Amino acid sequence: MAAEQQQAPVPAITANVEEPLDLIRLSLDERIYVKMRNDREVRGRLHAFDQHLNMILSQVEETVTTVELDEENFEEMHKQTKRHIPMLFVRGDAIILVAPPLRHA
């Protein structure tokens, strides 16, 4: 006897998503989070993108995390550097993850 499984309702926003780039298209003119290579993260307003995930962002806050070795006790120290960038072009091959803004149903 197989127990019936109930599926959670699909939010209306994701009902329009058929391809991965559709989710990014729905995030146009909204703030997104982008995790990049070399321990970089950016948050900004998405203005444009293409099929290679090249993006143009504005009002960008970039966070760069570096790991330094403490010479006395040989412990790793994580240091974060933040900067504000008015307008930024992000090359798609540097992108690891794109997170759209949180939407409440």
C-alpha atoms as a PDB file:
ATOM      1  CA  MET A   1       0.000   0.000   0.000  1.00  0.00           C
ATOM      2  CA  ALA A   2       1.501   3.247  -1.074  1.00  0.00           C
ATOM      3  CA  ALA A   3       0.694   6.266   1.006  1.00  0.00           C
ATOM      4  CA  GLU A   4      -0.529   9.280  -0.919  1.00  0.00           C
ATOM      5  CA  GLN A   5       1.972  12.080  -1.052  1.00  0.00           C
ATOM      6  CA  GLN A   6       0.752  15.627  -0.966  1.00  0.00           C
ATOM      7  CA  GLN A   7       2.667  18.143  -2.999  1.00  0.00           C
ATOM      8  CA  ALA A   8       3.194  21.658  -1.770  1.00  0.00           C
ATOM      9  CA  PRO A   9       1.398  24.297  -3.837  1.00  0.00           C
ATOM     10  CA  VAL A  10       3.579  25.973  -6.467  1.00  0.00           C
ATOM     11  CA  PRO A  11       3.896  29.750  -5.944  1.00  0.00           C
ATOM     12  CA  ALA A  12       2.486  31.822  -8.805  1.00  0.00           C
ATOM     13  CA  ILE A  13       5.909  33.350  -9.529  1.00  0.00           C
ATOM     14  CA  THR A  14       7.602  30.016 -10.221  1.00  0.00           C
ATOM     15  CA  ALA A  15       4.666  28.768 -12.296  1.00  0.00           C
ATOM     16  CA  ASN A  16       5.948  31.011 -15.124  1.00  0.00           C
ATOM     17  CA  VAL A  17       9.452  29.516 -14.993  1.00  0.00           C
ATOM     18  CA  GLU A  18      10.096  26.954 -17.716  1.00  0.00           C
ATOM     19  CA  GLU A  19      13.828  27.527 -18.281  1.00  0.00           C
ATOM     20  CA  PRO A  20      16.594  28.614 -15.880  1.00  0.00           C
ATOM     21  CA  LEU A  21      16.971  32.021 -17.535  1.00  0.00           C
ATOM     22  CA  ASP A  22      13.257  32.688 -16.939  1.00  0.00           C
ATOM     23  CA  LEU A  23      13.945  33.005 -13.223  1.00  0.00           C
ATOM     24  CA  ILE A  24      16.599  35.627 -13.898  1.00  0.00           C
ATOM     25  CA  ARG A  25      14.285  37.426 -16.344  1.00  0.00           C
ATOM     26  CA  LEU A  26      11.691  37.733 -13.571  1.00  0.00           C
ATOM     27  CA  SER A  27      14.364  39.437 -11.441  1.00  0.00           C
ATOM     28  CA  LEU A  28      14.972  42.335 -13.850  1.00  0.00           C
ATOM     29  CA  ASP A  29      14.967  45.731 -12.085  1.00  0.00           C
ATOM     30  CA  GLU A  30      15.191  43.989  -8.698  1.00  0.00           C
ATOM     31  CA  ARG A  31      18.071  43.423  -6.304  1.00  0.00           C
ATOM     32  CA  ILE A  32      19.812  40.067  -6.699  1.00  0.00           C
ATOM     33  CA  TYR A  33      22.668  38.214  -5.021  1.00  0.00           C
ATOM     34  CA  VAL A  34      25.500  36.863  -7.184  1.00  0.00           C
ATOM     35  CA  LYS A  35      28.212  34.540  -5.838  1.00  0.00           C
ATOM     36  CA  MET A  36      31.331  34.638  -7.971  1.00  0.00           C
ATOM     37  CA  ARG A  37      34.697  32.932  -8.288  1.00  0.00           C
ATOM     38  CA  ASN A  38      37.612  33.950  -6.062  1.00  0.00           C
ATOM     39  CA  ASP A  39      35.415  34.425  -2.962  1.00  0.00           C
ATOM     40  CA  ARG A  40      33.525  37.429  -4.321  1.00  0.00           C
ATOM     41  CA  GLU A  41      29.882  38.260  -3.761  1.00  0.00           C
ATOM     42  CA  VAL A  42      27.865  41.095  -5.239  1.00  0.00           C
ATOM     43  CA  ARG A  43      24.409  42.404  -4.491  1.00  0.00           C
ATOM     44  CA  GLY A  44      22.793  44.886  -6.826  1.00  0.00           C
ATOM     45  CA  ARG A  45      19.907  45.850  -9.067  1.00  0.00           C
ATOM     46  CA  LEU A  46      19.803  43.763 -12.258  1.00  0.00           C
ATOM     47  CA  HIS A  47      19.386  45.859 -15.416  1.00  0.00           C
ATOM     48  CA  ALA A  48      20.311  43.413 -18.181  1.00  0.00           C
ATOM     49  CA  PHE A  49      21.689  39.924 -18.836  1.00  0.00           C
ATOM     50  CA  ASP A  50      22.340  37.611 -21.768  1.00  0.00           C
ATOM     51  CA  GLN A  51      22.493  33.868 -22.459  1.00  0.00           C
ATOM     52  CA  HIS A  52      26.095  33.757 -21.156  1.00  0.00           C
ATOM     53  CA  LEU A  53      24.952  35.266 -17.817  1.00  0.00           C
ATOM     54  CA  ASN A  54      26.862  38.483 -18.480  1.00  0.00           C
ATOM     55  CA  MET A  55      25.051  41.027 -16.308  1.00  0.00           C
ATOM     56  CA  ILE A  56      24.793  44.748 -15.790  1.00  0.00           C
ATOM     57  CA  LEU A  57      24.104  45.701 -12.172  1.00  0.00           C
ATOM     58  CA  SER A  58      23.693  49.064 -10.446  1.00  0.00           C
ATOM     59  CA  GLN A  59      23.867  50.119  -6.794  1.00  0.00           C
ATOM     60  CA  VAL A  60      26.304  47.253  -6.248  1.00  0.00           C
ATOM     61  CA  GLU A  61      27.840  46.210  -2.948  1.00  0.00           C
ATOM     62  CA  GLU A  62      30.815  43.920  -3.544  1.00  0.00           C
ATOM     63  CA  THR A  63      32.206  41.743  -0.749  1.00  0.00           C
ATOM     64  CA  VAL A  64      35.604  40.092  -1.179  1.00  0.00           C
ATOM     65  CA  THR A  65      36.644  37.474   1.392  1.00  0.00           C
ATOM     66  CA  THR A  66      40.350  36.799   1.840  1.00  0.00           C
ATOM     67  CA  VAL A  67      42.017  34.211   4.057  1.00  0.00           C
ATOM     68  CA  GLU A  68      45.193  35.224   5.855  1.00  0.00           C
ATOM     69  CA  LEU A  69      47.401  32.986   7.970  1.00  0.00           C
ATOM     70  CA  ASP A  70      48.266  34.301  11.436  1.00  0.00           C
ATOM     71  CA  GLU A  71      52.035  33.851  11.732  1.00  0.00           C
ATOM     72  CA  GLU A  72      52.004  33.466  15.530  1.00  0.00           C
ATOM     73  CA  ASN A  73      49.489  30.657  16.018  1.00  0.00           C
ATOM     74  CA  PHE A  74      49.010  29.574  12.355  1.00  0.00           C
ATOM     75  CA  GLU A  75      45.243  30.105  12.428  1.00  0.00           C
ATOM     76  CA  GLU A  76      43.289  31.180   9.384  1.00  0.00           C
ATOM     77  CA  MET A  77      41.777  34.646   9.623  1.00  0.00           C
ATOM     78  CA  HIS A  78      38.912  35.506   7.280  1.00  0.00           C
ATOM     79  CA  LYS A  79      38.865  39.155   6.275  1.00  0.00           C
ATOM     80  CA  GLN A  80      36.010  40.778   4.365  1.00  0.00           C
ATOM     81  CA  THR A  81      36.424  43.901   2.284  1.00  0.00           C
ATOM     82  CA  LYS A  82      33.336  45.738   1.044  1.00  0.00           C
ATOM     83  CA  ARG A  83      32.978  48.478  -1.517  1.00  0.00           C
ATOM     84  CA  HIS A  84      30.148  50.271  -3.284  1.00  0.00           C
ATOM     85  CA  ILE A  85      30.118  50.420  -7.097  1.00  0.00           C
ATOM     86  CA  PRO A  86      27.536  52.594  -8.899  1.00  0.00           C
ATOM     87  CA  MET A  87      27.437  50.497 -12.125  1.00  0.00           C
ATOM     88  CA  LEU A  88      29.087  47.132 -12.830  1.00  0.00           C
ATOM     89  CA  PHE A  89      29.412  44.707 -15.743  1.00  0.00           C
ATOM     90  CA  VAL A  90      29.768  41.111 -14.483  1.00  0.00           C
ATOM     91  CA  ARG A  91      31.229  38.572 -16.886  1.00  0.00           C
ATOM     92  CA  GLY A  92      29.127  35.406 -16.958  1.00  0.00           C
ATOM     93  CA  ASP A  93      31.976  32.893 -16.713  1.00  0.00           C
ATOM     94  CA  ALA A  94      32.848  34.232 -13.243  1.00  0.00           C
ATOM     95  CA  ILE A  95      29.367  33.507 -11.839  1.00  0.00           C
ATOM     96  CA  ILE A  96      28.752  30.498  -9.596  1.00  0.00           C
ATOM     97  CA  LEU A  97      25.251  31.248  -8.279  1.00  0.00           C
ATOM     98  CA  VAL A  98      22.469  33.784  -8.841  1.00  0.00           C
ATOM     99  CA  ALA A  99      19.783  34.207  -6.185  1.00  0.00           C
ATOM    100  CA  PRO A 100      16.666  36.190  -7.050  1.00  0.00           C
ATOM    101  CA  PRO A 101      15.016  38.390  -4.424  1.00  0.00           C
ATOM    102  CA  LEU A 102      12.766  36.767  -1.841  1.00  0.00           C
ATOM    103  CA  ARG A 103       9.135  37.071  -2.802  1.00  0.00           C
ATOM    104  CA  HIS A 104       6.241  36.603  -0.438  1.00  0.00           C
ATOM    105  CA  ALA A 105       3.079  35.041  -1.802  1.00  0.00           C
END
